[in-house]
PDB file of N, CA and C in Angstrom:
ATOM      1  N   PRO A   1      72.823  93.421 116.073  1.00  0.00           N
ATOM      2  CA  PRO A   1      71.414  93.176 115.805  1.00  0.00           C
ATOM      3  C   PRO A   1      70.708  92.551 117.004  1.00  0.00           C
ATOM      4  N   GLN A   2      69.428  92.593 116.986  1.00  0.00           N
ATOM      5  CA  GLN A   2      68.642  92.053 118.088  1.00  0.00           C
ATOM      6  C   GLN A   2      68.771  90.537 118.200  1.00  0.00           C
ATOM      7  N   ILE A   3      69.023  89.863 117.105  1.00  0.00           N
ATOM      8  CA  ILE A   3      69.111  88.398 117.139  1.00  0.00           C
ATOM      9  C   ILE A   3      70.289  87.935 117.988  1.00  0.00           C
ATOM     10  N   LEU A   4      71.349  88.737 118.060  1.00  0.00           N
ATOM     11  CA  LEU A   4      72.509  88.343 118.865  1.00  0.00           C
ATOM     12  C   LEU A   4      72.187  88.348 120.350  1.00  0.00           C
ATOM     13  N   LYS A   5      71.221  89.144 120.778  1.00  0.00           N
ATOM     14  CA  LYS A   5      70.830  89.162 122.188  1.00  0.00           C
ATOM     15  C   LYS A   5      70.144  87.865 122.584  1.00  0.00           C
ATOM     16  N   LEU A   6      69.537  87.170 121.641  1.00  0.00           N
ATOM     17  CA  LEU A   6      68.838  85.923 121.934  1.00  0.00           C
ATOM     18  C   LEU A   6      69.800  84.777 122.211  1.00  0.00           C
ATOM     19  N   THR A   7      71.004  84.847 121.702  1.00  0.00           N
ATOM     20  CA  THR A   7      71.948  83.740 121.839  1.00  0.00           C
ATOM     21  C   THR A   7      72.744  83.787 123.126  1.00  0.00           C
ATOM     22  N   GLY A   8      72.625  84.846 123.895  1.00  0.00           N
ATOM     23  CA  GLY A   8      73.308  84.914 125.177  1.00  0.00           C
ATOM     24  C   GLY A   8      74.714  85.476 125.085  1.00  0.00           C
ATOM     25  N   ASP A   9      75.493  85.186 126.130  1.00  0.00           N
ATOM     26  CA  ASP A   9      76.840  85.735 126.250  1.00  0.00           C
ATOM     27  C   ASP A   9      77.814  84.924 125.407  1.00  0.00           C
ATOM     28  N   TRP A  10      78.622  85.599 124.626  1.00  0.00           N
ATOM     29  CA  TRP A  10      79.608  84.944 123.773  1.00  0.00           C
ATOM     30  C   TRP A  10      81.028  85.146 124.302  1.00  0.00           C
ATOM     31  N   THR A  11      81.171  85.342 125.579  1.00  0.00           N
ATOM     32  CA  THR A  11      82.487  85.593 126.159  1.00  0.00           C
ATOM     33  C   THR A  11      83.118  84.271 126.594  1.00  0.00           C
ATOM     34  N   VAL A  12      84.309  84.003 126.074  1.00  0.00           N
ATOM     35  CA  VAL A  12      85.057  82.804 126.430  1.00  0.00           C
ATOM     36  C   VAL A  12      86.417  83.254 126.931  1.00  0.00           C
ATOM     37  N   ALA A  13      86.743  82.910 128.149  1.00  0.00           N
ATOM     38  CA  ALA A  13      88.024  83.267 128.766  1.00  0.00           C
ATOM     39  C   ALA A  13      88.270  84.770 128.709  1.00  0.00           C
ATOM     40  N   GLY A  14      87.217  85.557 128.880  1.00  0.00           N
ATOM     41  CA  GLY A  14      87.348  87.009 128.894  1.00  0.00           C
ATOM     42  C   GLY A  14      87.401  87.655 127.525  1.00  0.00           C
ATOM     43  N   VAL A  15      87.241  86.873 126.458  1.00  0.00           N
ATOM     44  CA  VAL A  15      87.293  87.396 125.097  1.00  0.00           C
ATOM     45  C   VAL A  15      85.880  87.378 124.522  1.00  0.00           C
ATOM     46  N   ASN A  16      85.433  88.530 124.037  1.00  0.00           N
ATOM     47  CA  ASN A  16      84.113  88.627 123.437  1.00  0.00           C
ATOM     48  C   ASN A  16      84.188  88.124 121.997  1.00  0.00           C
ATOM     49  N   LEU A  17      83.559  87.005 121.720  1.00  0.00           N
ATOM     50  CA  LEU A  17      83.633  86.399 120.393  1.00  0.00           C
ATOM     51  C   LEU A  17      82.833  87.170 119.355  1.00  0.00           C
ATOM     52  N   ARG A  18      81.912  88.010 119.775  1.00  0.00           N
ATOM     53  CA  ARG A  18      81.150  88.829 118.828  1.00  0.00           C
ATOM     54  C   ARG A  18      82.044  89.853 118.137  1.00  0.00           C
ATOM     55  N   ALA A  19      83.149  90.206 118.747  1.00  0.00           N
ATOM     56  CA  ALA A  19      84.059  91.193 118.163  1.00  0.00           C
ATOM     57  C   ALA A  19      84.710  90.663 116.888  1.00  0.00           C
ATOM     58  N   PHE A  20      84.826  89.349 116.750  1.00  0.00           N
ATOM     59  CA  PHE A  20      85.456  88.789 115.552  1.00  0.00           C
ATOM     60  C   PHE A  20      84.663  89.108 114.291  1.00  0.00           C
ATOM     61  N   GLY A  21      83.343  89.112 114.389  1.00  0.00           N
ATOM     62  CA  GLY A  21      82.519  89.453 113.232  1.00  0.00           C
ATOM     63  C   GLY A  21      82.771  90.865 112.753  1.00  0.00           C
ATOM     64  N   ALA A  22      82.815  91.809 113.679  1.00  0.00           N
ATOM     65  CA  ALA A  22      83.087  93.204 113.318  1.00  0.00           C
ATOM     66  C   ALA A  22      84.509  93.352 112.790  1.00  0.00           C
ATOM     67  N   TYR A  23      85.438  92.604 113.354  1.00  0.00           N
ATOM     68  CA  TYR A  23      86.828  92.672 112.916  1.00  0.00           C
ATOM     69  C   TYR A  23      86.976  92.167 111.481  1.00  0.00           C
ATOM     70  N   ILE A  24      86.300  91.084 111.157  1.00  0.00           N
ATOM     71  CA  ILE A  24      86.381  90.527 109.805  1.00  0.00           C
ATOM     72  C   ILE A  24      85.803  91.495 108.787  1.00  0.00           C
ATOM     73  N   VAL A  25      84.697  92.142 109.134  1.00  0.00           N
ATOM     74  CA  VAL A  25      84.092  93.118 108.224  1.00  0.00           C
ATOM     75  C   VAL A  25      85.039  94.300 108.017  1.00  0.00           C
ATOM     76  N   SER A  26      85.697  94.748 109.073  1.00  0.00           N
ATOM     77  CA  SER A  26      86.648  95.864 108.951  1.00  0.00           C
ATOM     78  C   SER A  26      87.834  95.492 108.064  1.00  0.00           C
ATOM     79  N   ILE A  27      88.356  94.303 108.244  1.00  0.00           N
ATOM     80  CA  ILE A  27      89.488  93.850 107.432  1.00  0.00           C
ATOM     81  C   ILE A  27      89.077  93.720 105.963  1.00  0.00           C
ATOM     82  N   ALA A  28      87.880  93.186 105.707  1.00  0.00           N
ATOM     83  CA  ALA A  28      87.412  93.050 104.326  1.00  0.00           C
ATOM     84  C   ALA A  28      87.217  94.419 103.678  1.00  0.00           C
ATOM     85  N   GLY A  29      86.678  95.374 104.420  1.00  0.00           N
ATOM     86  CA  GLY A  29      86.493  96.721 103.880  1.00  0.00           C
ATOM     87  C   GLY A  29      87.813  97.401 103.584  1.00  0.00           C
ATOM     88  N   THR A  30      88.770  97.231 104.479  1.00  0.00           N
ATOM     89  CA  THR A  30      90.090  97.811 104.262  1.00  0.00           C
ATOM     90  C   THR A  30      90.758  97.199 103.033  1.00  0.00           C
ATOM     91  N   GLY A  31      90.632  95.900 102.883  1.00  0.00           N
ATOM     92  CA  GLY A  31      91.198  95.235 101.712  1.00  0.00           C
ATOM     93  C   GLY A  31      90.563  95.706 100.416  1.00  0.00           C
ATOM     94  N   LEU A  32      89.260  95.929 100.441  1.00  0.00           N
ATOM     95  CA  LEU A  32      88.566  96.411  99.246  1.00  0.00           C
ATOM     96  C   LEU A  32      89.026  97.816  98.871  1.00  0.00           C
ATOM     97  N   ILE A  33      89.205  98.674  99.863  1.00  0.00           N
ATOM     98  CA  ILE A  33      89.684 100.037  99.599  1.00  0.00           C
ATOM     99  C   ILE A  33      91.110 100.005  99.046  1.00  0.00           C
ATOM    100  N   MET A  34      91.972  99.180  99.636  1.00  0.00           N
ATOM    101  CA  MET A  34      93.350  99.090  99.150  1.00  0.00           C
ATOM    102  C   MET A  34      93.405  98.516  97.737  1.00  0.00           C
ATOM    103  N   TYR A  35      92.533  97.569  97.431  1.00  0.00           N
ATOM    104  CA  TYR A  35      92.468  97.010  96.081  1.00  0.00           C
ATOM    105  C   TYR A  35      92.045  98.083  95.082  1.00  0.00           C
ATOM    106  N   GLY A  36      91.101  98.931  95.470  1.00  0.00           N
ATOM    107  CA  GLY A  36      90.684 100.037  94.608  1.00  0.00           C
ATOM    108  C   GLY A  36      91.822 101.001  94.334  1.00  0.00           C
ATOM    109  N   PHE A  37      92.596 101.325  95.364  1.00  0.00           N
ATOM    110  CA  PHE A  37      93.747 102.204  95.170  1.00  0.00           C
ATOM    111  C   PHE A  37      94.784 101.560  94.252  1.00  0.00           C
ATOM    112  N   ALA A  38      95.002 100.261  94.401  1.00  0.00           N
ATOM    113  CA  ALA A  38      95.975  99.575  93.544  1.00  0.00           C
ATOM    114  C   ALA A  38      95.529  99.596  92.085  1.00  0.00           C
ATOM    115  N   LEU A  39      94.242  99.380  91.843  1.00  0.00           N
ATOM    116  CA  LEU A  39      93.740  99.433  90.470  1.00  0.00           C
ATOM    117  C   LEU A  39      93.854 100.835  89.889  1.00  0.00           C
ATOM    118  N   ALA A  40      93.528 101.844  90.689  1.00  0.00           N
ATOM    119  CA  ALA A  40      93.629 103.222  90.205  1.00  0.00           C
ATOM    120  C   ALA A  40      95.081 103.590  89.916  1.00  0.00           C
ATOM    121  N   PHE A  41      95.995 103.154  90.765  1.00  0.00           N
ATOM    122  CA  PHE A  41      97.415 103.436  90.565  1.00  0.00           C
ATOM    123  C   PHE A  41      97.923 102.767  89.295  1.00  0.00           C
ATOM    124  N   GLN A  42      97.518 101.516  89.088  1.00  0.00           N
ATOM    125  CA  GLN A  42      97.955 100.794  87.894  1.00  0.00           C
ATOM    126  C   GLN A  42      97.389 101.443  86.635  1.00  0.00           C
ATOM    127  N   SER A  43      96.157 101.892  86.699  1.00  0.00           N
ATOM    128  CA  SER A  43      95.546 102.565  85.554  1.00  0.00           C
ATOM    129  C   SER A  43      96.256 103.885  85.254  1.00  0.00           C
ATOM    130  N   ALA A  44      96.592 104.629  86.297  1.00  0.00           N
ATOM    131  CA  ALA A  44      97.283 105.905  86.102  1.00  0.00           C
ATOM    132  C   ALA A  44      98.673 105.696  85.512  1.00  0.00           C
ATOM    133  N   ARG A  45      99.365 104.657  85.941  1.00  0.00           N
ATOM    134  CA  ARG A  45     100.699 104.379  85.391  1.00  0.00           C
ATOM    135  C   ARG A  45     100.624 103.977  83.935  1.00  0.00           C
ATOM    136  N   SER A  46      99.603 103.217  83.567  1.00  0.00           N
ATOM    137  CA  SER A  46      99.503 102.791  82.169  1.00  0.00           C
ATOM    138  C   SER A  46      99.153 103.970  81.263  1.00  0.00           C
ATOM    139  N   ARG A  47      98.435 104.949  81.769  1.00  0.00           N
ATOM    140  CA  ARG A  47      98.097 106.125  80.964  1.00  0.00           C
ATOM    141  C   ARG A  47      99.299 107.027  80.730  1.00  0.00           C
ATOM    142  N   THR A  48     100.252 107.022  81.652  1.00  0.00           N
ATOM    143  CA  THR A  48     101.436 107.865  81.496  1.00  0.00           C
ATOM    144  C   THR A  48     102.518 107.185  80.669  1.00  0.00           C
ATOM    145  N   GLY A  49     102.312 105.931  80.297  1.00  0.00           N
ATOM    146  CA  GLY A  49     103.279 105.229  79.464  1.00  0.00           C
ATOM    147  C   GLY A  49     104.344 104.493  80.236  1.00  0.00           C
ATOM    148  N   GLU A  50     104.247 104.454  81.545  1.00  0.00           N
ATOM    149  CA  GLU A  50     105.226 103.712  82.334  1.00  0.00           C
ATOM    150  C   GLU A  50     104.939 102.222  82.218  1.00  0.00           C
ATOM    151  N   VAL A  51     105.952 101.432  82.486  1.00  0.00           N
ATOM    152  CA  VAL A  51     105.799  99.986  82.440  1.00  0.00           C
ATOM    153  C   VAL A  51     104.904  99.563  83.601  1.00  0.00           C
ATOM    154  N   PRO A  52     103.871  98.775  83.337  1.00  0.00           N
ATOM    155  CA  PRO A  52     103.001  98.344  84.432  1.00  0.00           C
ATOM    156  C   PRO A  52     103.745  97.434  85.397  1.00  0.00           C
ATOM    157  N   TRP A  53     103.304  97.458  86.607  1.00  0.00           N
ATOM    158  CA  TRP A  53     103.922  96.683  87.673  1.00  0.00           C
ATOM    159  C   TRP A  53     103.607  95.206  87.477  1.00  0.00           C
ATOM    160  N   ALA A  54     104.621  94.359  87.516  1.00  0.00           N
ATOM    161  CA  ALA A  54     104.430  92.919  87.371  1.00  0.00           C
ATOM    162  C   ALA A  54     104.947  92.234  88.630  1.00  0.00           C
ATOM    163  N   PRO A  55     104.061  91.857  89.555  1.00  0.00           N
ATOM    164  CA  PRO A  55     104.523  91.300  90.825  1.00  0.00           C
ATOM    165  C   PRO A  55     105.191  89.939  90.691  1.00  0.00           C
ATOM    166  N   LEU A  56     104.889  89.185  89.632  1.00  0.00           N
ATOM    167  CA  LEU A  56     105.453  87.851  89.490  1.00  0.00           C
ATOM    168  C   LEU A  56     106.594  87.793  88.483  1.00  0.00           C
ATOM    169  N   ALA A  57     107.079  88.941  88.050  1.00  0.00           N
ATOM    170  CA  ALA A  57     108.185  88.964  87.093  1.00  0.00           C
ATOM    171  C   ALA A  57     109.455  88.457  87.766  1.00  0.00           C
ATOM    172  N   GLN A  58     110.257  87.756  86.992  1.00  0.00           N
ATOM    173  CA  GLN A  58     111.491  87.205  87.533  1.00  0.00           C
ATOM    174  C   GLN A  58     112.652  88.142  87.237  1.00  0.00           C
ATOM    175  N   GLU A  59     113.579  88.171  88.167  1.00  0.00           N
ATOM    176  CA  GLU A  59     114.796  88.953  87.991  1.00  0.00           C
ATOM    177  C   GLU A  59     115.665  88.279  86.932  1.00  0.00           C
ATOM    178  N   PRO A  60     116.397  89.048  86.131  1.00  0.00           N
ATOM    179  CA  PRO A  60     117.295  88.414  85.156  1.00  0.00           C
ATOM    180  C   PRO A  60     118.416  87.666  85.875  1.00  0.00           C
ATOM    181  N   ALA A  61     118.804  86.554  85.293  1.00  0.00           N
ATOM    182  CA  ALA A  61     119.848  85.732  85.898  1.00  0.00           C
ATOM    183  C   ALA A  61     121.194  86.440  85.791  1.00  0.00           C
ATOM    184  N   LEU A  62     121.963  86.347  86.849  1.00  0.00           N
ATOM    185  CA  LEU A  62     123.302  86.938  86.854  1.00  0.00           C
ATOM    186  C   LEU A  62     124.317  85.862  86.467  1.00  0.00           C
ATOM    187  N   GLY A  63     125.226  86.216  85.584  1.00  0.00           N
ATOM    188  CA  GLY A  63     126.302  85.300  85.251  1.00  0.00           C
ATOM    189  C   GLY A  63     126.169  84.613  84.002  1.00  0.00           C
TER     190      GLY A  63
END
């Protein structure tokens, strides 16, 4: 945006700090897409009658 031009150079030790903003937005978008796929996958599994995935389920004790 034009407002970023008013603040001057954001380069520290050769690293452009403005890139972090774009990077965070990309990571958030990727996470949102992956979350959508996980929800769709879980919904599809429940419709087929398979046991839903439980990430916090404990393994049965041996012995």
